């Protein structure tokens, strides 16, 4: 009679070990950092992750279309549309017609929205500093360069319009 250990079939070695698989690891890191940062803007300002990205993009560029914001934040158009609607209802952004393309609207922060961005940006940068404090300045510079290189390459690998966070 075969022993229990020899009677069981040995499980094949996994083809992908998630904990070592770079796309998985990058996603986990992105989720952990995004969720930690979200505590700041969700608790203090009532913003969702997509709403924060819209506010941050408009804070950086002043005026953009929803399509521009979606491309910049690597978000789906519908995600941006819902965030824009919620921000508009709260009086944080305003829409203006795009005279060159009637299918699009220009989006901008209101004074109230700009106030939130101005209050939140230093807190976001302080969070980034705390996160990066785990790395030496040399490691930070190397990480930034490597992230740029991988991001550029990943964009070239993703089918057009399918890169979404």
Protein backbone atom coordinates (compact mmCIF):
# COMPACT_ATOMS: atom_id res chain seq x y z
CA UNK A 1 0.00 0.00 0.00
CA UNK A 2 1.35 3.38 -0.96
CA UNK A 3 1.98 5.92 1.71
CA UNK A 4 -0.09 9.10 1.73
CA UNK A 5 2.80 11.22 0.55
CA UNK A 6 3.54 9.01 -2.49
CA UNK A 7 -0.14 8.42 -3.26
CA UNK A 8 -0.73 12.15 -3.77
CA UNK A 9 0.29 13.61 -7.05
CA UNK A 10 2.98 16.21 -6.74
CA UNK A 11 1.67 19.62 -7.70
CA UNK A 12 3.49 21.00 -10.70
CA UNK A 13 5.75 23.95 -10.05
CA UNK A 14 3.81 27.15 -10.66
CA UNK A 15 4.56 28.84 -13.96
CA UNK A 16 4.03 32.27 -12.42
CA UNK A 17 4.90 33.08 -8.84
CA UNK A 18 2.90 36.23 -8.25
CA UNK A 19 5.11 37.52 -5.45
CA UNK A 20 8.04 37.62 -7.94
CA UNK A 21 6.04 38.60 -11.07
CA UNK A 22 6.86 42.22 -11.90
CA UNK A 23 3.40 43.31 -13.18
CA UNK A 24 1.81 41.94 -10.01
CA UNK A 25 4.45 43.55 -7.77
CA UNK A 26 4.04 46.92 -9.49
CA UNK A 27 0.27 46.70 -9.11
CA UNK A 28 0.55 45.83 -5.41
CA UNK A 29 2.98 48.71 -4.83
CA UNK A 30 0.73 51.11 -6.74
CA UNK A 31 -2.33 49.97 -4.78
CA UNK A 32 -0.59 50.22 -1.42
CA UNK A 33 0.78 53.71 -2.09
CA UNK A 34 -2.42 54.95 -3.72
CA UNK A 35 -4.55 53.67 -0.84
CA UNK A 36 -2.22 55.20 1.76
CA UNK A 37 -2.28 58.55 -0.03
CA UNK A 38 -6.04 58.26 -0.46
CA UNK A 39 -6.40 58.42 3.32
CA UNK A 40 -5.20 62.01 3.13
CA UNK A 41 -7.46 63.26 0.36
CA UNK A 42 -10.44 61.03 1.15
CA UNK A 43 -10.61 61.80 4.87
CA UNK A 44 -9.70 65.48 4.70
CA UNK A 45 -11.27 66.47 1.38
CA UNK A 46 -13.77 63.74 0.49
CA UNK A 47 -12.08 62.91 -2.81
CA UNK A 48 -11.98 59.52 -4.51
CA UNK A 49 -8.80 58.35 -6.23
CA UNK A 50 -10.08 59.37 -9.70
CA UNK A 51 -11.34 62.71 -8.36
CA UNK A 52 -7.93 63.39 -6.81
CA UNK A 53 -6.27 62.64 -10.14
CA UNK A 54 -8.60 65.06 -11.93
CA UNK A 55 -7.96 67.79 -9.32
CA UNK A 56 -4.20 67.16 -9.42
CA UNK A 57 -4.11 67.29 -13.23
CA UNK A 58 -6.12 70.52 -13.35
CA UNK A 59 -4.00 71.92 -10.54
CA UNK A 60 -0.91 71.22 -12.62
CA UNK A 61 -2.22 72.26 -16.05
CA UNK A 62 -5.05 74.71 -15.23
CA UNK A 63 -7.32 73.75 -18.15
CA UNK A 64 -7.73 70.36 -19.82
CA UNK A 65 -10.39 68.24 -21.51
CA UNK A 66 -11.67 65.02 -19.96
CA UNK A 67 -9.86 63.15 -22.75
CA UNK A 68 -6.58 64.89 -21.81
CA UNK A 69 -7.09 63.99 -18.15
CA UNK A 70 -7.87 60.36 -18.98
CA UNK A 71 -4.69 60.07 -21.05
CA UNK A 72 -2.57 61.88 -18.45
CA UNK A 73 -3.86 59.79 -15.54
CA UNK A 74 -4.07 56.55 -17.53
CA UNK A 75 -7.74 56.25 -16.62
CA UNK A 76 -10.76 55.12 -18.61
CA UNK A 77 -12.94 57.90 -20.06
CA UNK A 78 -15.96 56.74 -18.05
CA UNK A 79 -13.96 56.88 -14.79
CA UNK A 80 -12.94 60.46 -15.56
CA UNK A 81 -16.48 61.37 -16.58
CA UNK A 82 -17.91 60.16 -13.25
CA UNK A 83 -15.19 61.99 -11.30
CA UNK A 84 -15.77 65.19 -13.29
CA UNK A 85 -19.53 65.02 -12.65
CA UNK A 86 -19.00 64.53 -8.91
CA UNK A 87 -16.46 67.38 -8.75
CA UNK A 88 -18.75 69.68 -10.71
CA UNK A 89 -21.66 68.90 -8.36
CA UNK A 90 -19.43 69.88 -5.43
CA UNK A 91 -18.50 73.14 -7.14
CA UNK A 92 -14.82 72.16 -7.46
CA UNK A 93 -14.57 72.31 -11.24
CA UNK A 94 -16.29 74.17 -14.04
CA UNK A 95 -16.90 73.21 -17.67
CA UNK A 96 -16.49 75.63 -20.57
CA UNK A 97 -17.30 74.95 -24.24
CA UNK A 98 -14.39 74.10 -26.51
CA UNK A 99 -14.95 76.39 -29.51
CA UNK A 100 -12.63 74.25 -31.66
CA UNK A 101 -14.42 70.96 -30.91
CA UNK A 102 -18.03 71.09 -29.72
CA UNK A 103 -17.83 67.44 -28.62
CA UNK A 104 -15.41 68.40 -25.85
CA UNK A 105 -15.44 70.80 -22.95
CA UNK A 106 -12.60 72.55 -21.20
CA UNK A 107 -12.38 71.75 -17.51
CA UNK A 108 -10.86 73.98 -14.86
CA UNK A 109 -10.77 74.21 -11.08
CA UNK A 110 -13.04 76.72 -9.42
CA UNK A 111 -11.64 78.90 -6.63
CA UNK A 112 -12.92 76.29 -4.17
CA UNK A 113 -11.27 73.49 -6.19
CA UNK A 114 -8.01 75.44 -6.41
CA UNK A 115 -8.14 75.91 -2.62
CA UNK A 116 -8.38 72.15 -2.14
CA UNK A 117 -5.52 71.55 -4.58
CA UNK A 118 -3.36 74.19 -2.87
CA UNK A 119 -4.05 72.66 0.54
CA UNK A 120 -3.59 69.08 -0.62
CA UNK A 121 -0.51 69.36 -2.86
CA UNK A 122 1.96 70.00 0.00
CA UNK A 123 0.48 67.06 1.92
CA UNK A 124 0.83 64.81 -1.14
CA UNK A 125 4.46 65.89 -1.58
CA UNK A 126 5.14 65.26 2.11
CA UNK A 127 3.64 61.76 1.69
CA UNK A 128 5.91 61.18 -1.30
CA UNK A 129 8.92 62.28 0.78
CA UNK A 130 7.95 59.85 3.56
CA UNK A 131 7.56 57.01 1.08
CA UNK A 132 10.86 57.73 -0.65
CA UNK A 133 12.69 58.07 2.67
CA UNK A 134 13.13 54.28 2.54
CA UNK A 135 15.58 54.83 -0.32
CA UNK A 136 18.91 56.62 -0.50
CA UNK A 137 19.12 59.65 -2.83
CA UNK A 138 21.00 57.47 -5.33
CA UNK A 139 18.32 54.79 -5.16
CA UNK A 140 15.61 57.43 -5.62
CA UNK A 141 17.32 58.74 -8.76
CA UNK A 142 17.80 55.20 -10.10
CA UNK A 143 14.17 54.30 -9.35
CA UNK A 144 12.91 57.38 -11.15
CA UNK A 145 14.97 56.59 -14.23
CA UNK A 146 13.95 52.95 -14.23
CA UNK A 147 10.27 53.85 -13.82
CA UNK A 148 10.50 56.26 -16.76
CA UNK A 149 12.17 53.60 -18.89
CA UNK A 150 9.64 50.89 -17.97
CA UNK A 151 6.68 53.27 -18.42
CA UNK A 152 7.82 54.25 -21.90
CA UNK A 153 8.36 50.63 -22.86
CA UNK A 154 5.04 49.49 -21.37
CA UNK A 155 3.24 52.18 -23.40
CA UNK A 156 4.81 50.76 -26.54
CA UNK A 157 3.60 47.26 -25.59
CA UNK A 158 0.01 48.22 -24.71
CA UNK A 159 -2.52 48.33 -27.54
CA UNK A 160 -3.54 51.91 -28.32
CA UNK A 161 -6.06 53.25 -25.82
CA UNK A 162 -5.82 50.26 -23.50
CA UNK A 163 -3.32 51.55 -20.97
CA UNK A 164 -5.45 52.10 -17.86
CA UNK A 165 -4.65 52.18 -14.18
